Amino acid sequence: MLLALLVITPTLIITPTAWACTISPSTSANFGSVSSFAIASTPQDTSAQPHAGAVCQGSVLGLAVVSDQWIRATLSSANQGELVNTASGDAIPFRIFALASENEEIFLNTTYNYFNAVLIDLLGLIGGQNVELPMEFRTQPTANVAAGTYTDTLTVNWNWRICNLGALVCLSYRTGSGTNTITINLTVTPDCAIQAPDLDFGSAPLVAGFDPVTQTIDITCTKGSDYSVGLSDGQQPAASLRRMENNGHYLEYQLYKGPTGSERWGNAGSERRASSAADTNPGTPSGVTSQGFTYRGEILPGQNTPPAGTYTDMIVVDVIF
């Protein structure tokens, strides 16, 4: 009797999962336009667009299963981590992060691994999908910088080692490297801080009893930003006369340039005052020291004394860069 024995041996077919990173030659990050005063007081944030320069297909094995995988980035800076204005020589330092939450800092000339316990789930590096690797930037508050364009260029050297996957085993590794640049831009805009105390003529029973009063407007503007300053004609002018008002009655007055001058200070043409001709600290603004513009206020003689009361007006101080 012939006994036939058929033995079927199951075969495990393992198909590797392809994995790679695509490196873009260049990306950019733009902080936009920011006042010099905001640069001095408040950190500014932006991110690389559309990403940090690398798009990678994630692994389906977790970090705990295969611990020798990585996506490494090593950054160098043309300006040693500062945004530089080549015209003025001023610089604004900045920091680099892998996340918008800014708890994963990337340091220049030090390798950072995106394939780590913090980012692996947040970025979706588990599951095999394509992931655009992010990079965030934050300025450090920097006082007294000139207006203009500030730039830096980062060079990012990438290298990666990710396994080709079988049934929860690593068959081999896919490795590679690439380089891209990130151009970072920030435009600092000029700004001014104005201190303009009220002008009080006091009280008198007759127009002839009011003495002229002097007052000073202090202006601090962005370093290197020349400007002119003007005074409006007030809320109820009559031709070139300024007028204070009380219940439909008016008290005419005028504001003159300087403590003893007779030239009207207005807000158009030659009636304006230039930063170069300030009464204190004249010249181009330093960005630190205020410039003072003194003026003389006078109740105009020759007018009839209006009814008793409190007369007021409001003057707008405007600065043009």
C-alpha atoms as a PDB file:
ATOM      1  CA  MET A   1       0.000   0.000   0.000  1.00  0.00           C
ATOM      2  CA  LEU A   2       1.390   3.342  -1.012  1.00  0.00           C
ATOM      3  CA  LEU A   3       0.896   6.130   1.463  1.00  0.00           C
ATOM      4  CA  ALA A   4       1.207   9.587   0.039  1.00  0.00           C
ATOM      5  CA  LEU A   5       2.040  12.394   2.415  1.00  0.00           C
ATOM      6  CA  LEU A   6       1.611  15.981   1.331  1.00  0.00           C
ATOM      7  CA  VAL A   7       3.195  18.520   3.590  1.00  0.00           C
ATOM      8  CA  ILE A   8       2.254  22.139   3.028  1.00  0.00           C
ATOM      9  CA  THR A   9       4.750  24.605   4.456  1.00  0.00           C
ATOM     10  CA  PRO A  10       3.425  28.155   4.822  1.00  0.00           C
ATOM     11  CA  THR A  11       5.679  30.807   3.368  1.00  0.00           C
ATOM     12  CA  LEU A  12       5.957  34.293   4.876  1.00  0.00           C
ATOM     13  CA  ILE A  13       6.391  36.830   2.125  1.00  0.00           C
ATOM     14  CA  ILE A  14       7.817  40.109   3.412  1.00  0.00           C
ATOM     15  CA  THR A  15       7.398  43.184   1.271  1.00  0.00           C
ATOM     16  CA  PRO A  16       9.636  46.080   2.326  1.00  0.00           C
ATOM     17  CA  THR A  17       7.995  49.446   2.808  1.00  0.00           C
ATOM     18  CA  ALA A  18       9.845  52.131   0.894  1.00  0.00           C
ATOM     19  CA  TRP A  19      10.871  55.174   2.892  1.00  0.00           C
ATOM     20  CA  ALA A  20      12.697  58.354   1.904  1.00  0.00           C
ATOM     21  CA  CYS A  21      12.915  62.116   2.399  1.00  0.00           C
ATOM     22  CA  THR A  22      12.561  64.715  -0.338  1.00  0.00           C
ATOM     23  CA  ILE A  23      14.661  67.842   0.134  1.00  0.00           C
ATOM     24  CA  SER A  24      13.608  71.193  -1.347  1.00  0.00           C
ATOM     25  CA  PRO A  25      16.522  73.382  -2.481  1.00  0.00           C
ATOM     26  CA  SER A  26      15.209  76.444  -0.620  1.00  0.00           C
ATOM     27  CA  THR A  27      12.379  77.632   1.604  1.00  0.00           C
ATOM     28  CA  SER A  28      11.746  80.899   3.440  1.00  0.00           C
ATOM     29  CA  ALA A  29      10.452  82.452   6.639  1.00  0.00           C
ATOM     30  CA  ASN A  30       9.075  85.983   6.825  1.00  0.00           C
ATOM     31  CA  PHE A  31       8.339  87.914  10.018  1.00  0.00           C
ATOM     32  CA  GLY A  32       6.622  90.646   8.017  1.00  0.00           C
ATOM     33  CA  SER A  33       6.777  94.339   8.956  1.00  0.00           C
ATOM     34  CA  VAL A  34       7.227  95.162  12.631  1.00  0.00           C
ATOM     35  CA  SER A  35       7.657  98.479  14.453  1.00  0.00           C
ATOM     36  CA  SER A  36      11.088  99.094  15.964  1.00  0.00           C
ATOM     37  CA  PHE A  37       9.359  99.595  19.329  1.00  0.00           C
ATOM     38  CA  ALA A  38       7.680  96.184  19.054  1.00  0.00           C
ATOM     39  CA  ILE A  39      11.043  94.606  18.205  1.00  0.00           C
ATOM     40  CA  ALA A  40      12.430  96.103  21.404  1.00  0.00           C
ATOM     41  CA  SER A  41       9.636  94.870  23.658  1.00  0.00           C
ATOM     42  CA  THR A  42       7.965  91.769  22.208  1.00  0.00           C
ATOM     43  CA  PRO A  43       9.339  88.545  20.665  1.00  0.00           C
ATOM     44  CA  GLN A  44       8.145  88.022  17.078  1.00  0.00           C
ATOM     45  CA  ASP A  45       7.265  84.579  15.690  1.00  0.00           C
ATOM     46  CA  THR A  46       7.184  82.994  12.254  1.00  0.00           C
ATOM     47  CA  SER A  47       7.717  79.608  10.584  1.00  0.00           C
ATOM     48  CA  ALA A  48       9.493  78.202   7.548  1.00  0.00           C
ATOM     49  CA  GLN A  49       7.198  78.002   4.535  1.00  0.00           C
ATOM     50  CA  PRO A  50       5.984  75.693   3.209  1.00  0.00           C
ATOM     51  CA  HIS A  51       8.163  73.646   5.592  1.00  0.00           C
ATOM     52  CA  ALA A  52      11.744  73.376   6.839  1.00  0.00           C
ATOM     53  CA  GLY A  53      12.899  71.897   3.539  1.00  0.00           C
ATOM     54  CA  ALA A  54      12.305  68.195   4.123  1.00  0.00           C
ATOM     55  CA  VAL A  55       9.226  66.040   3.416  1.00  0.00           C
ATOM     56  CA  CYS A  56       9.589  62.516   4.793  1.00  0.00           C
ATOM     57  CA  GLN A  57       7.510  59.351   4.668  1.00  0.00           C
ATOM     58  CA  GLY A  58       7.079  58.178   8.241  1.00  0.00           C
ATOM     59  CA  SER A  59       7.802  54.742   9.626  1.00  0.00           C
ATOM     60  CA  VAL A  60       5.142  52.253  10.760  1.00  0.00           C
ATOM     61  CA  LEU A  61       7.366  51.110  13.613  1.00  0.00           C
ATOM     62  CA  GLY A  62       7.473  53.131  16.808  1.00  0.00           C
ATOM     63  CA  LEU A  63      10.529  54.626  18.380  1.00  0.00           C
ATOM     64  CA  ALA A  64      10.453  52.006  21.124  1.00  0.00           C
ATOM     65  CA  VAL A  65      10.623  49.179  18.563  1.00  0.00           C
ATOM     66  CA  VAL A  66      13.407  50.550  16.415  1.00  0.00           C
ATOM     67  CA  SER A  67      15.474  53.036  18.346  1.00  0.00           C
ATOM     68  CA  ASP A  68      18.233  53.537  15.805  1.00  0.00           C
ATOM     69  CA  GLN A  69      16.154  55.501  13.281  1.00  0.00           C
ATOM     70  CA  TRP A  70      16.664  59.204  12.793  1.00  0.00           C
ATOM     71  CA  ILE A  71      15.919  62.293  10.762  1.00  0.00           C
ATOM     72  CA  ARG A  72      18.734  64.638  11.628  1.00  0.00           C
ATOM     73  CA  ALA A  73      19.103  68.336  10.854  1.00  0.00           C
ATOM     74  CA  THR A  74      22.285  70.343  11.430  1.00  0.00           C
ATOM     75  CA  LEU A  75      21.974  74.095  10.940  1.00  0.00           C
ATOM     76  CA  SER A  76      24.527  76.782  10.214  1.00  0.00           C
ATOM     77  CA  SER A  77      23.842  80.507   9.896  1.00  0.00           C
ATOM     78  CA  ALA A  78      25.351  83.102   7.574  1.00  0.00           C
ATOM     79  CA  ASN A  79      25.063  85.666  10.398  1.00  0.00           C
ATOM     80  CA  GLN A  80      25.608  83.422  13.435  1.00  0.00           C
ATOM     81  CA  GLY A  81      21.933  83.404  14.389  1.00  0.00           C
ATOM     82  CA  GLU A  82      21.181  87.071  13.835  1.00  0.00           C
ATOM     83  CA  LEU A  83      19.014  88.971  11.376  1.00  0.00           C
ATOM     84  CA  VAL A  84      21.280  91.703  10.018  1.00  0.00           C
ATOM     85  CA  ASN A  85      20.551  95.045   8.379  1.00  0.00           C
ATOM     86  CA  THR A  86      23.523  95.549   6.068  1.00  0.00           C
ATOM     87  CA  ALA A  87      22.764  99.267   5.660  1.00  0.00           C
ATOM     88  CA  SER A  88      22.909 100.144   9.367  1.00  0.00           C
ATOM     89  CA  GLY A  89      24.913  97.218  10.713  1.00  0.00           C
ATOM     90  CA  ASP A  90      22.245  96.524  13.356  1.00  0.00           C
ATOM     91  CA  ALA A  91      21.339  92.938  14.230  1.00  0.00           C
ATOM     92  CA  ILE A  92      18.390  91.124  15.835  1.00  0.00           C
ATOM     93  CA  PRO A  93      19.181  87.693  17.373  1.00  0.00           C
ATOM     94  CA  PHE A  94      16.675  84.880  16.984  1.00  0.00           C
ATOM     95  CA  ARG A  95      16.037  81.366  18.262  1.00  0.00           C
ATOM     96  CA  ILE A  96      15.018  78.242  16.336  1.00  0.00           C
ATOM     97  CA  PHE A  97      12.494  75.577  17.331  1.00  0.00           C
ATOM     98  CA  ALA A  98      11.079  72.372  15.883  1.00  0.00           C
ATOM     99  CA  LEU A  99       7.580  73.171  17.192  1.00  0.00           C
ATOM    100  CA  ALA A 100       5.372  76.248  17.391  1.00  0.00           C
ATOM    101  CA  SER A 101       5.050  75.590  21.135  1.00  0.00           C
ATOM    102  CA  GLU A 102       8.792  76.329  21.296  1.00  0.00           C
ATOM    103  CA  ASN A 103       9.694  73.552  23.690  1.00  0.00           C
ATOM    104  CA  GLU A 104      12.018  71.793  21.229  1.00  0.00           C
ATOM    105  CA  GLU A 105      14.864  74.225  20.559  1.00  0.00           C
ATOM    106  CA  ILE A 106      17.314  73.671  17.731  1.00  0.00           C
ATOM    107  CA  PHE A 107      20.790  75.063  18.264  1.00  0.00           C
ATOM    108  CA  LEU A 108      23.170  76.108  15.515  1.00  0.00           C
ATOM    109  CA  ASN A 109      25.930  73.679  14.578  1.00  0.00           C
ATOM    110  CA  THR A 110      24.339  70.996  16.775  1.00  0.00           C
ATOM    111  CA  THR A 111      22.504  67.999  15.334  1.00  0.00           C
ATOM    112  CA  TYR A 112      18.807  67.800  16.101  1.00  0.00           C
ATOM    113  CA  ASN A 113      16.801  64.570  15.576  1.00  0.00           C
ATOM    114  CA  TYR A 114      13.187  65.065  14.474  1.00  0.00           C
ATOM    115  CA  PHE A 115      12.555  61.351  15.005  1.00  0.00           C
ATOM    116  CA  ASN A 116      12.311  61.653  18.790  1.00  0.00           C
ATOM    117  CA  ALA A 117       9.873  60.766  21.560  1.00  0.00           C
ATOM    118  CA  VAL A 118       8.338  64.273  21.637  1.00  0.00           C
ATOM    119  CA  LEU A 119       7.729  64.734  17.913  1.00  0.00           C
ATOM    120  CA  ILE A 120       7.124  61.234  16.629  1.00  0.00           C
ATOM    121  CA  ASP A 121       3.381  61.293  17.437  1.00  0.00           C
ATOM    122  CA  LEU A 122       2.809  65.040  17.137  1.00  0.00           C
ATOM    123  CA  LEU A 123       4.155  65.166  13.591  1.00  0.00           C
ATOM    124  CA  GLY A 124       2.674  61.833  12.526  1.00  0.00           C
ATOM    125  CA  LEU A 125       5.994  60.108  11.924  1.00  0.00           C
ATOM    126  CA  ILE A 126       4.307  56.810  12.783  1.00  0.00           C
ATOM    127  CA  GLY A 127       1.921  55.460  10.158  1.00  0.00           C
ATOM    128  CA  GLY A 128       3.759  55.734   6.865  1.00  0.00           C
ATOM    129  CA  GLN A 129       2.264  59.046   5.672  1.00  0.00           C
ATOM    130  CA  ASN A 130       4.246  61.925   4.202  1.00  0.00           C
ATOM    131  CA  VAL A 131       5.185  64.525   6.789  1.00  0.00           C
ATOM    132  CA  GLU A 132       6.353  68.082   6.158  1.00  0.00           C
ATOM    133  CA  LEU A 133       8.937  68.795   8.836  1.00  0.00           C
ATOM    134  CA  PRO A 134       8.355  72.207  10.486  1.00  0.00           C
ATOM    135  CA  MET A 135      10.753  74.842  11.789  1.00  0.00           C
ATOM    136  CA  GLU A 136       9.823  77.871  13.886  1.00  0.00           C
ATOM    137  CA  PHE A 137      11.685  81.110  14.581  1.00  0.00           C
ATOM    138  CA  ARG A 138      11.407  83.703  17.372  1.00  0.00           C
ATOM    139  CA  THR A 139      13.234  87.016  17.684  1.00  0.00           C
ATOM    140  CA  GLN A 140      14.803  88.097  20.949  1.00  0.00           C
ATOM    141  CA  PRO A 141      13.784  91.596  22.134  1.00  0.00           C
ATOM    142  CA  THR A 142      16.373  94.042  20.814  1.00  0.00           C
ATOM    143  CA  ALA A 143      16.358  97.746  21.604  1.00  0.00           C
ATOM    144  CA  ASN A 144      17.363 100.617  19.345  1.00  0.00           C
ATOM    145  CA  VAL A 145      17.572  99.159  15.855  1.00  0.00           C
ATOM    146  CA  ALA A 146      17.232 101.188  12.670  1.00  0.00           C
ATOM    147  CA  ALA A 147      14.382 100.765  10.224  1.00  0.00           C
ATOM    148  CA  GLY A 148      15.086  98.567   7.218  1.00  0.00           C
ATOM    149  CA  THR A 149      15.258  94.954   6.042  1.00  0.00           C
ATOM    150  CA  TYR A 150      16.925  92.351   8.257  1.00  0.00           C
ATOM    151  CA  THR A 151      17.936  88.966   6.841  1.00  0.00           C
ATOM    152  CA  ASP A 152      19.780  85.749   7.549  1.00  0.00           C
ATOM    153  CA  THR A 153      20.273  82.540   5.587  1.00  0.00           C
ATOM    154  CA  LEU A 154      20.331  79.140   7.269  1.00  0.00           C
ATOM    155  CA  THR A 155      21.919  76.118   5.655  1.00  0.00           C
ATOM    156  CA  VAL A 156      20.322  72.856   6.802  1.00  0.00           C
ATOM    157  CA  ASN A 157      22.176  69.577   6.347  1.00  0.00           C
ATOM    158  CA  TRP A 158      19.762  66.646   6.546  1.00  0.00           C
ATOM    159  CA  ASN A 159      20.499  62.951   6.896  1.00  0.00           C
ATOM    160  CA  TRP A 160      18.205  60.060   7.697  1.00  0.00           C
ATOM    161  CA  ARG A 161      18.184  56.387   8.582  1.00  0.00           C
ATOM    162  CA  ILE A 162      14.814  54.620   8.563  1.00  0.00           C
ATOM    163  CA  CYS A 163      14.157  50.931   8.274  1.00  0.00           C
ATOM    164  CA  ASN A 164      12.539  49.129   5.365  1.00  0.00           C
ATOM    165  CA  LEU A 165       9.764  47.249   7.103  1.00  0.00           C
ATOM    166  CA  GLY A 166       8.521  43.706   7.023  1.00  0.00           C
ATOM    167  CA  ALA A 167       6.144  42.090   9.511  1.00  0.00           C
ATOM    168  CA  LEU A 168       7.202  44.233  12.440  1.00  0.00           C
ATOM    169  CA  VAL A 169      10.843  43.591  11.688  1.00  0.00           C
ATOM    170  CA  CYS A 170      13.416  45.867  10.176  1.00  0.00           C
ATOM    171  CA  LEU A 171      14.790  44.201   7.034  1.00  0.00           C
ATOM    172  CA  SER A 172      17.241  46.930   6.102  1.00  0.00           C
ATOM    173  CA  TYR A 173      17.743  50.658   6.347  1.00  0.00           C
ATOM    174  CA  ARG A 174      17.058  53.404   3.883  1.00  0.00           C
ATOM    175  CA  THR A 175      19.600  56.165   4.356  1.00  0.00           C
ATOM    176  CA  GLY A 176      20.175  59.438   2.609  1.00  0.00           C
ATOM    177  CA  SER A 177      21.193  63.054   2.960  1.00  0.00           C
ATOM    178  CA  GLY A 178      20.524  66.449   1.437  1.00  0.00           C
ATOM    179  CA  THR A 179      20.990  70.176   1.952  1.00  0.00           C
ATOM    180  CA  ASN A 180      18.648  73.124   1.693  1.00  0.00           C
ATOM    181  CA  THR A 181      18.643  76.805   2.640  1.00  0.00           C
ATOM    182  CA  ILE A 182      16.079  78.858   4.572  1.00  0.00           C
ATOM    183  CA  THR A 183      16.043  82.602   3.923  1.00  0.00           C
ATOM    184  CA  ILE A 184      14.663  84.594   6.878  1.00  0.00           C
ATOM    185  CA  ASN A 185      13.398  88.162   6.482  1.00  0.00           C
ATOM    186  CA  LEU A 186      12.083  90.852   8.815  1.00  0.00           C
ATOM    187  CA  THR A 187      11.238  94.463   7.954  1.00  0.00           C
ATOM    188  CA  VAL A 188      11.608  96.969  10.788  1.00  0.00           C
ATOM    189  CA  THR A 189       9.383 100.027  10.353  1.00  0.00           C
ATOM    190  CA  PRO A 190      10.021 103.428  11.949  1.00  0.00           C
ATOM    191  CA  ASP A 191       7.956 104.544  14.910  1.00  0.00           C
ATOM    192  CA  CYS A 192       7.805 107.379  17.426  1.00  0.00           C
ATOM    193  CA  ALA A 193       6.775 107.914  21.023  1.00  0.00           C
ATOM    194  CA  ILE A 194       5.289 111.371  21.674  1.00  0.00           C
ATOM    195  CA  GLN A 195       4.953 113.113  25.022  1.00  0.00           C
ATOM    196  CA  ALA A 196       2.829 116.232  24.661  1.00  0.00           C
ATOM    197  CA  PRO A 197       1.774 117.773  28.003  1.00  0.00           C
ATOM    198  CA  ASP A 198      -1.292 119.988  28.133  1.00  0.00           C
ATOM    199  CA  LEU A 199      -0.891 123.738  27.750  1.00  0.00           C
ATOM    200  CA  ASP A 200      -2.615 125.758  30.482  1.00  0.00           C
ATOM    201  CA  PHE A 201      -2.905 129.539  30.163  1.00  0.00           C
ATOM    202  CA  GLY A 202      -4.270 129.834  33.694  1.00  0.00           C
ATOM    203  CA  SER A 203      -7.009 132.367  34.447  1.00  0.00           C
ATOM    204  CA  ALA A 204      -7.479 136.124  34.064  1.00  0.00           C
ATOM    205  CA  PRO A 205     -10.442 138.526  34.112  1.00  0.00           C
ATOM    206  CA  LEU A 206      -9.494 140.142  30.793  1.00  0.00           C
ATOM    207  CA  VAL A 207      -7.772 139.023  27.583  1.00  0.00           C
ATOM    208  CA  ALA A 208      -4.942 141.430  28.323  1.00  0.00           C
ATOM    209  CA  GLY A 209      -4.276 139.619  31.594  1.00  0.00           C
ATOM    210  CA  PHE A 210      -3.043 136.366  30.001  1.00  0.00           C
ATOM    211  CA  ASP A 211       0.716 135.955  29.729  1.00  0.00           C
ATOM    212  CA  PRO A 212       2.363 133.789  27.044  1.00  0.00           C
ATOM    213  CA  VAL A 213       3.109 130.209  28.142  1.00  0.00           C
ATOM    214  CA  THR A 214       5.867 127.892  26.903  1.00  0.00           C
ATOM    215  CA  GLN A 215       5.668 124.112  26.714  1.00  0.00           C
ATOM    216  CA  THR A 216       7.837 121.333  25.244  1.00  0.00           C
ATOM    217  CA  ILE A 217       6.848 118.289  23.223  1.00  0.00           C
ATOM    218  CA  ASP A 218       9.307 115.385  23.557  1.00  0.00           C
ATOM    219  CA  ILE A 219       9.606 112.874  20.722  1.00  0.00           C
ATOM    220  CA  THR A 220      11.655 109.679  20.617  1.00  0.00           C
ATOM    221  CA  CYS A 221      11.863 108.059  17.178  1.00  0.00           C
ATOM    222  CA  THR A 222      13.481 105.014  15.600  1.00  0.00           C
ATOM    223  CA  LYS A 223      17.237 105.235  15.273  1.00  0.00           C
ATOM    224  CA  GLY A 224      18.257 106.980  12.058  1.00  0.00           C
ATOM    225  CA  SER A 225      14.721 107.931  10.988  1.00  0.00           C
ATOM    226  CA  ASP A 226      14.520 111.660  10.269  1.00  0.00           C
ATOM    227  CA  TYR A 227      11.063 113.160  10.585  1.00  0.00           C
ATOM    228  CA  SER A 228       9.021 116.339  10.801  1.00  0.00           C
ATOM    229  CA  VAL A 229       6.429 117.220  13.400  1.00  0.00           C
ATOM    230  CA  GLY A 230       3.331 119.370  12.969  1.00  0.00           C
ATOM    231  CA  LEU A 231       0.524 120.783  15.076  1.00  0.00           C
ATOM    232  CA  SER A 232      -3.065 120.856  13.825  1.00  0.00           C
ATOM    233  CA  ASP A 233      -5.182 124.003  13.738  1.00  0.00           C
ATOM    234  CA  GLY A 234      -7.398 122.704  16.534  1.00  0.00           C
ATOM    235  CA  GLN A 235     -11.088 121.837  16.614  1.00  0.00           C
ATOM    236  CA  GLN A 236     -12.593 125.197  15.714  1.00  0.00           C
ATOM    237  CA  PRO A 237     -10.100 127.310  13.744  1.00  0.00           C
ATOM    238  CA  ALA A 238     -10.944 130.481  11.862  1.00  0.00           C
ATOM    239  CA  ALA A 239      -8.607 130.760   8.877  1.00  0.00           C
ATOM    240  CA  SER A 240      -5.122 130.558  10.428  1.00  0.00           C
ATOM    241  CA  LEU A 241      -6.363 131.460  13.912  1.00  0.00           C
ATOM    242  CA  ARG A 242      -6.712 128.809  16.576  1.00  0.00           C
ATOM    243  CA  ARG A 243      -9.664 129.204  18.914  1.00  0.00           C
ATOM    244  CA  MET A 244     -10.648 127.801  22.276  1.00  0.00           C
ATOM    245  CA  GLU A 245     -14.401 127.436  22.791  1.00  0.00           C
ATOM    246  CA  ASN A 246     -16.922 127.577  25.599  1.00  0.00           C
ATOM    247  CA  ASN A 247     -20.678 127.392  24.894  1.00  0.00           C
ATOM    248  CA  GLY A 248     -20.381 128.982  21.468  1.00  0.00           C
ATOM    249  CA  HIS A 249     -17.960 131.679  22.569  1.00  0.00           C
ATOM    250  CA  TYR A 250     -14.343 131.759  21.425  1.00  0.00           C
ATOM    251  CA  LEU A 251     -10.938 132.807  22.692  1.00  0.00           C
ATOM    252  CA  GLU A 252      -8.345 133.228  19.942  1.00  0.00           C
ATOM    253  CA  TYR A 253      -4.797 132.043  20.517  1.00  0.00           C
ATOM    254  CA  GLN A 254      -1.710 131.018  18.582  1.00  0.00           C
ATOM    255  CA  LEU A 255       1.228 128.575  18.933  1.00  0.00           C
ATOM    256  CA  TYR A 256       4.685 129.695  17.809  1.00  0.00           C
ATOM    257  CA  LYS A 257       7.923 127.826  17.187  1.00  0.00           C
ATOM    258  CA  GLY A 258      10.489 128.066  19.949  1.00  0.00           C
ATOM    259  CA  PRO A 259      10.306 129.716  23.371  1.00  0.00           C
ATOM    260  CA  THR A 260      10.431 133.278  22.021  1.00  0.00           C
ATOM    261  CA  GLY A 261       9.634 132.846  18.327  1.00  0.00           C
ATOM    262  CA  SER A 262       6.915 134.507  16.292  1.00  0.00           C
ATOM    263  CA  GLU A 263       6.684 131.915  13.494  1.00  0.00           C
ATOM    264  CA  ARG A 264       3.433 129.958  13.559  1.00  0.00           C
ATOM    265  CA  TRP A 265       3.787 126.210  14.171  1.00  0.00           C
ATOM    266  CA  GLY A 266       1.356 124.368  11.934  1.00  0.00           C
ATOM    267  CA  ASN A 267       1.088 121.045  10.131  1.00  0.00           C
ATOM    268  CA  ALA A 268       1.748 121.872   6.476  1.00  0.00           C
ATOM    269  CA  GLY A 269       4.815 122.821   4.462  1.00  0.00           C
ATOM    270  CA  SER A 270       7.283 125.151   6.128  1.00  0.00           C
ATOM    271  CA  GLU A 271       5.090 125.441   9.222  1.00  0.00           C
ATOM    272  CA  ARG A 272       6.262 121.960  10.262  1.00  0.00           C
ATOM    273  CA  ARG A 273       9.426 121.401  12.299  1.00  0.00           C
ATOM    274  CA  ALA A 274      12.214 118.993  11.341  1.00  0.00           C
ATOM    275  CA  SER A 275      13.998 116.635  13.723  1.00  0.00           C
ATOM    276  CA  SER A 276      17.245 118.241  12.598  1.00  0.00           C
ATOM    277  CA  ALA A 277      16.036 121.552  14.075  1.00  0.00           C
ATOM    278  CA  ALA A 278      14.735 120.345  17.455  1.00  0.00           C
ATOM    279  CA  ASP A 279      15.336 122.691  20.382  1.00  0.00           C
ATOM    280  CA  THR A 280      16.996 119.904  22.361  1.00  0.00           C
ATOM    281  CA  ASN A 281      19.117 117.130  20.829  1.00  0.00           C
ATOM    282  CA  PRO A 282      18.685 118.319  17.229  1.00  0.00           C
ATOM    283  CA  GLY A 283      19.795 116.065  14.373  1.00  0.00           C
ATOM    284  CA  THR A 284      19.058 112.519  13.270  1.00  0.00           C
ATOM    285  CA  PRO A 285      17.204 110.553  15.990  1.00  0.00           C
ATOM    286  CA  SER A 286      19.370 108.287  18.121  1.00  0.00           C
ATOM    287  CA  GLY A 287      16.509 105.969  19.013  1.00  0.00           C
ATOM    288  CA  VAL A 288      17.328 106.405  22.711  1.00  0.00           C
ATOM    289  CA  THR A 289      17.380 110.113  23.580  1.00  0.00           C
ATOM    290  CA  SER A 290      14.239 112.162  23.090  1.00  0.00           C
ATOM    291  CA  GLN A 291      14.217 115.362  21.068  1.00  0.00           C
ATOM    292  CA  GLY A 292      12.441 118.392  22.479  1.00  0.00           C
ATOM    293  CA  PHE A 293      10.347 120.907  20.520  1.00  0.00           C
ATOM    294  CA  THR A 294       9.525 123.971  22.587  1.00  0.00           C
ATOM    295  CA  TYR A 295       6.692 126.268  21.581  1.00  0.00           C
ATOM    296  CA  ARG A 296       5.124 129.473  22.869  1.00  0.00           C
ATOM    297  CA  GLY A 297       1.375 129.789  23.299  1.00  0.00           C
ATOM    298  CA  GLU A 298      -0.203 133.233  23.321  1.00  0.00           C
ATOM    299  CA  ILE A 299      -3.751 134.515  23.825  1.00  0.00           C
ATOM    300  CA  LEU A 300      -4.026 137.001  20.960  1.00  0.00           C
ATOM    301  CA  PRO A 301      -4.357 140.633  22.022  1.00  0.00           C
ATOM    302  CA  GLY A 302      -6.885 142.958  20.428  1.00  0.00           C
ATOM    303  CA  GLN A 303      -9.870 140.630  20.750  1.00  0.00           C
ATOM    304  CA  ASN A 304     -12.841 141.252  22.944  1.00  0.00           C
ATOM    305  CA  THR A 305     -12.934 139.454  26.261  1.00  0.00           C
ATOM    306  CA  PRO A 306     -15.515 136.645  25.978  1.00  0.00           C
ATOM    307  CA  PRO A 307     -17.890 135.621  28.795  1.00  0.00           C
ATOM    308  CA  ALA A 308     -16.323 133.999  31.836  1.00  0.00           C
ATOM    309  CA  GLY A 309     -15.858 130.230  31.687  1.00  0.00           C
ATOM    310  CA  THR A 310     -13.405 127.480  30.861  1.00  0.00           C
ATOM    311  CA  TYR A 311     -12.221 127.602  27.249  1.00  0.00           C
ATOM    312  CA  THR A 312     -10.644 124.543  25.654  1.00  0.00           C
ATOM    313  CA  ASP A 313      -9.289 123.252  22.369  1.00  0.00           C
ATOM    314  CA  MET A 314      -7.550 120.069  21.239  1.00  0.00           C
ATOM    315  CA  ILE A 315      -4.383 120.047  19.100  1.00  0.00           C
ATOM    316  CA  VAL A 316      -3.186 116.953  17.232  1.00  0.00           C
ATOM    317  CA  VAL A 317       0.566 116.363  17.136  1.00  0.00           C
ATOM    318  CA  ASP A 318       1.570 114.435  14.008  1.00  0.00           C
ATOM    319  CA  VAL A 319       4.924 113.001  12.966  1.00  0.00           C
ATOM    320  CA  ILE A 320       5.856 112.273   9.349  1.00  0.00           C
ATOM    321  CA  PHE A 321       8.862 110.057   8.580  1.00  0.00           C
END
